[in-house]
């Protein structure tokens, strides 16, 4: 795998994780976000955790995803 360069270094990333996930422990999400921050602009990496959330999604998480998409992607006509 080659180094990340150019515009790819400035890509915005949203990573979400439930703090009660029995399949992918929160520790692995934390390690992943730290690796991402070492590869791309760390100011563009957002890591959100959700209290009580298992290996699933929640309305709060989906609203955060919608907000992220609305902020970073152009509107579709």
C-alpha atoms as a PDB file:
ATOM      1  CA  UNK A   1       0.000   0.000   0.000  1.00  0.00           C
ATOM      2  CA  UNK A   2       1.392   3.330  -1.054  1.00  0.00           C
ATOM      3  CA  UNK A   3       1.502   6.488   0.990  1.00  0.00           C
ATOM      4  CA  UNK A   4      -1.503   8.765   1.087  1.00  0.00           C
ATOM      5  CA  UNK A   5      -0.734  12.036  -0.648  1.00  0.00           C
ATOM      6  CA  UNK A   6      -2.296  14.980  -2.423  1.00  0.00           C
ATOM      7  CA  UNK A   7      -5.971  15.679  -1.931  1.00  0.00           C
ATOM      8  CA  UNK A   8      -6.460  12.297  -0.273  1.00  0.00           C
ATOM      9  CA  UNK A   9      -4.540  13.560   2.766  1.00  0.00           C
ATOM     10  CA  UNK A  10      -7.287  16.128   3.314  1.00  0.00           C
ATOM     11  CA  UNK A  11     -10.287  13.801   3.065  1.00  0.00           C
ATOM     12  CA  UNK A  12     -12.835  14.103   5.852  1.00  0.00           C
ATOM     13  CA  UNK A  13     -13.506  10.924   7.830  1.00  0.00           C
ATOM     14  CA  UNK A  14     -16.272  10.167  10.317  1.00  0.00           C
ATOM     15  CA  UNK A  15     -15.806   7.019  12.380  1.00  0.00           C
ATOM     16  CA  UNK A  16     -18.600   5.952  14.719  1.00  0.00           C
ATOM     17  CA  UNK A  17     -18.513   3.275  17.411  1.00  0.00           C
ATOM     18  CA  UNK A  18     -20.779   2.001  20.161  1.00  0.00           C
ATOM     19  CA  UNK A  19     -19.143   1.698  23.557  1.00  0.00           C
ATOM     20  CA  UNK A  20     -20.863  -1.639  24.240  1.00  0.00           C
ATOM     21  CA  UNK A  21     -20.039  -3.370  20.935  1.00  0.00           C
ATOM     22  CA  UNK A  22     -19.345  -7.056  21.749  1.00  0.00           C
ATOM     23  CA  UNK A  23     -18.048  -7.890  18.235  1.00  0.00           C
ATOM     24  CA  UNK A  24     -15.643  -4.992  17.645  1.00  0.00           C
ATOM     25  CA  UNK A  25     -14.443  -3.683  21.004  1.00  0.00           C
ATOM     26  CA  UNK A  26     -14.183   0.077  21.417  1.00  0.00           C
ATOM     27  CA  UNK A  27     -10.424  -0.320  21.879  1.00  0.00           C
ATOM     28  CA  UNK A  28     -10.124  -1.414  18.219  1.00  0.00           C
ATOM     29  CA  UNK A  29     -12.113   1.633  17.093  1.00  0.00           C
ATOM     30  CA  UNK A  30      -9.774   3.840  19.108  1.00  0.00           C
ATOM     31  CA  UNK A  31      -6.702   2.186  17.591  1.00  0.00           C
ATOM     32  CA  UNK A  32      -8.147   2.579  14.103  1.00  0.00           C
ATOM     33  CA  UNK A  33      -8.846   6.285  14.534  1.00  0.00           C
ATOM     34  CA  UNK A  34      -5.301   6.866  15.788  1.00  0.00           C
ATOM     35  CA  UNK A  35      -3.908   5.058  12.724  1.00  0.00           C
ATOM     36  CA  UNK A  36      -6.124   7.176  10.449  1.00  0.00           C
ATOM     37  CA  UNK A  37      -4.886  10.350  12.136  1.00  0.00           C
ATOM     38  CA  UNK A  38      -1.304   9.293  11.427  1.00  0.00           C
ATOM     39  CA  UNK A  39      -2.105   8.775   7.731  1.00  0.00           C
ATOM     40  CA  UNK A  40      -4.247  11.813   6.882  1.00  0.00           C
ATOM     41  CA  UNK A  41      -4.792  15.297   8.283  1.00  0.00           C
ATOM     42  CA  UNK A  42      -5.812  14.532  11.887  1.00  0.00           C
ATOM     43  CA  UNK A  43      -7.965  17.674  12.010  1.00  0.00           C
ATOM     44  CA  UNK A  44     -10.257  16.028   9.439  1.00  0.00           C
ATOM     45  CA  UNK A  45     -10.840  12.831  11.422  1.00  0.00           C
ATOM     46  CA  UNK A  46     -13.862  12.701  13.712  1.00  0.00           C
ATOM     47  CA  UNK A  47     -14.420   9.775  16.083  1.00  0.00           C
ATOM     48  CA  UNK A  48     -17.795   9.579  17.786  1.00  0.00           C
ATOM     49  CA  UNK A  49     -18.796   7.064  20.414  1.00  0.00           C
ATOM     50  CA  UNK A  50     -22.318   6.218  21.470  1.00  0.00           C
ATOM     51  CA  UNK A  51     -23.134   5.267  25.033  1.00  0.00           C
ATOM     52  CA  UNK A  52     -24.843   1.905  25.406  1.00  0.00           C
ATOM     53  CA  UNK A  53     -24.724   1.143  21.671  1.00  0.00           C
ATOM     54  CA  UNK A  54     -23.862  -2.422  20.731  1.00  0.00           C
ATOM     55  CA  UNK A  55     -22.933  -3.694  17.231  1.00  0.00           C
ATOM     56  CA  UNK A  56     -25.749  -1.748  15.604  1.00  0.00           C
ATOM     57  CA  UNK A  57     -26.760   1.815  14.846  1.00  0.00           C
ATOM     58  CA  UNK A  58     -28.908   4.391  16.554  1.00  0.00           C
ATOM     59  CA  UNK A  59     -30.933   7.435  15.596  1.00  0.00           C
ATOM     60  CA  UNK A  60     -28.254   9.658  17.163  1.00  0.00           C
ATOM     61  CA  UNK A  61     -25.555   8.020  15.045  1.00  0.00           C
ATOM     62  CA  UNK A  62     -27.619   8.288  11.850  1.00  0.00           C
ATOM     63  CA  UNK A  63     -28.237  11.984  12.543  1.00  0.00           C
ATOM     64  CA  UNK A  64     -24.460  12.469  12.962  1.00  0.00           C
ATOM     65  CA  UNK A  65     -23.877  10.672   9.643  1.00  0.00           C
ATOM     66  CA  UNK A  66     -26.491  12.850   7.929  1.00  0.00           C
ATOM     67  CA  UNK A  67     -24.895  16.007   9.351  1.00  0.00           C
ATOM     68  CA  UNK A  68     -21.451  14.824   8.168  1.00  0.00           C
ATOM     69  CA  UNK A  69     -22.757  14.116   4.654  1.00  0.00           C
ATOM     70  CA  UNK A  70     -24.584  17.435   4.486  1.00  0.00           C
ATOM     71  CA  UNK A  71     -21.398  19.252   5.535  1.00  0.00           C
ATOM     72  CA  UNK A  72     -18.919  17.475   3.262  1.00  0.00           C
ATOM     73  CA  UNK A  73     -20.776  16.463   0.109  1.00  0.00           C
ATOM     74  CA  UNK A  74     -22.387  18.774  -2.416  1.00  0.00           C
ATOM     75  CA  UNK A  75     -26.174  18.616  -2.696  1.00  0.00           C
ATOM     76  CA  UNK A  76     -27.634  16.338  -5.364  1.00  0.00           C
ATOM     77  CA  UNK A  77     -29.934  18.084  -7.820  1.00  0.00           C
END
